[in-house]
Amino acid sequence: MITVYDNQGARVFTLDPWPQMVFLDANGRLTISAYVDYVASKYKKEIPIDLDKTILSMIDLLLKDKLISLSEVLREPDPENHEPIKNK
């Protein structure tokens, strides 16, 4: 479970399963299109009709909260995001 502490404001929130998955998968090595294909490949039978829209809305949500960023070049995620709260 990922809990987000906002250093710029007085808010703390826990990511729901979808945004949490997108956050954890944000490795700086995939395009958005490649990521949608990657998630779709995990479905053994039928891919949900709105899977791409769901993923795009989760990416948009995380971008608005400044929890992820997009880049034109390969880029490593901020290592601070891998630290447990107790170490901060």
Protein backbone atom coordinates (compact mmCIF):
# COMPACT_ATOMS: atom_id res chain seq x y z
CA MET A 1 0.00 0.00 0.00
CA ILE A 2 1.35 3.40 -0.96
CA THR A 3 0.67 6.42 1.24
CA VAL A 4 1.53 9.84 -0.14
CA TYR A 5 2.64 12.70 2.10
CA ASP A 6 2.46 16.07 0.40
CA ASN A 7 5.42 18.22 1.45
CA GLN A 8 3.77 21.28 -0.10
CA GLY A 9 0.47 21.04 1.74
CA ALA A 10 -1.38 19.44 4.60
CA ARG A 11 -2.64 16.30 2.92
CA VAL A 12 -2.00 12.61 3.21
CA PHE A 13 -3.71 10.04 1.03
CA THR A 14 -3.44 6.40 0.07
CA LEU A 15 -3.43 5.38 -3.57
CA ASP A 16 -6.24 3.16 -4.78
CA PRO A 17 -5.24 -0.06 -6.60
CA TRP A 18 -5.23 1.32 -10.17
CA PRO A 19 -3.15 4.46 -9.55
CA GLN A 20 -0.90 2.43 -7.25
CA MET A 21 -0.20 -0.06 -10.03
CA VAL A 22 0.57 2.72 -12.51
CA PHE A 23 2.83 4.46 -9.96
CA LEU A 24 4.76 1.28 -9.22
CA ASP A 25 5.12 0.48 -12.93
CA ALA A 26 6.43 3.98 -13.75
CA ASN A 27 10.01 2.89 -14.39
CA GLY A 28 11.07 5.53 -16.90
CA ARG A 29 11.56 2.95 -19.66
CA LEU A 30 8.13 2.62 -21.31
CA THR A 31 6.12 4.92 -23.49
CA ILE A 32 2.46 5.30 -22.57
CA SER A 33 1.49 3.18 -25.56
CA ALA A 34 3.96 0.44 -24.58
CA TYR A 35 2.62 0.53 -21.02
CA VAL A 36 -0.98 0.10 -22.19
CA ASP A 37 0.17 -2.87 -24.31
CA TYR A 38 2.07 -4.29 -21.32
CA VAL A 39 -1.00 -4.13 -19.04
CA ALA A 40 -3.24 -5.54 -21.79
CA SER A 41 -0.86 -8.49 -22.20
CA LYS A 42 -1.55 -9.52 -18.60
CA TYR A 43 -5.15 -10.40 -19.44
CA LYS A 44 -5.37 -14.06 -20.43
CA LYS A 45 -8.77 -13.93 -22.07
CA GLU A 46 -10.60 -10.74 -22.95
CA ILE A 47 -9.01 -7.32 -22.58
CA PRO A 48 -11.45 -4.85 -20.99
CA ILE A 49 -12.91 -2.48 -23.59
CA ASP A 50 -11.94 0.71 -21.73
CA LEU A 51 -8.57 -0.49 -20.44
CA ASP A 52 -6.66 2.18 -22.37
CA LYS A 53 -8.99 4.94 -21.14
CA THR A 54 -8.68 3.70 -17.55
CA ILE A 55 -4.89 3.68 -17.72
CA LEU A 56 -4.79 7.13 -19.34
CA SER A 57 -7.07 8.56 -16.65
CA MET A 58 -4.84 7.07 -13.92
CA ILE A 59 -1.75 8.56 -15.58
CA ASP A 60 -3.53 11.92 -15.78
CA LEU A 61 -4.49 11.71 -12.09
CA LEU A 62 -0.91 10.93 -11.06
CA LEU A 63 0.44 13.71 -13.28
CA LYS A 64 -1.96 16.25 -11.74
CA ASP A 65 -0.84 15.22 -8.24
CA LYS A 66 2.80 15.43 -9.42
CA LEU A 67 3.43 11.83 -8.39
CA ILE A 68 4.80 10.90 -11.80
CA SER A 69 6.17 12.88 -14.71
CA LEU A 70 6.54 12.28 -18.42
CA SER A 71 9.84 12.55 -20.22
CA GLU A 72 11.02 12.55 -23.83
CA VAL A 73 14.06 10.47 -22.84
CA LEU A 74 14.64 7.43 -20.64
CA ARG A 75 14.84 8.53 -17.04
CA GLU A 76 15.12 6.81 -13.66
CA PRO A 77 12.35 7.48 -11.13
CA ASP A 78 13.24 9.52 -8.05
CA PRO A 79 14.94 7.07 -5.65
CA GLU A 80 13.20 8.78 -2.73
CA ASN A 81 9.96 7.17 -3.91
CA HIS A 82 11.33 3.78 -2.97
CA GLU A 83 11.91 4.62 0.69
CA PRO A 84 9.52 3.41 3.37
CA ILE A 85 7.87 6.18 5.37
CA LYS A 86 9.66 5.15 8.56
CA ASN A 87 12.99 6.06 6.92
CA LYS A 88 11.94 9.61 6.06
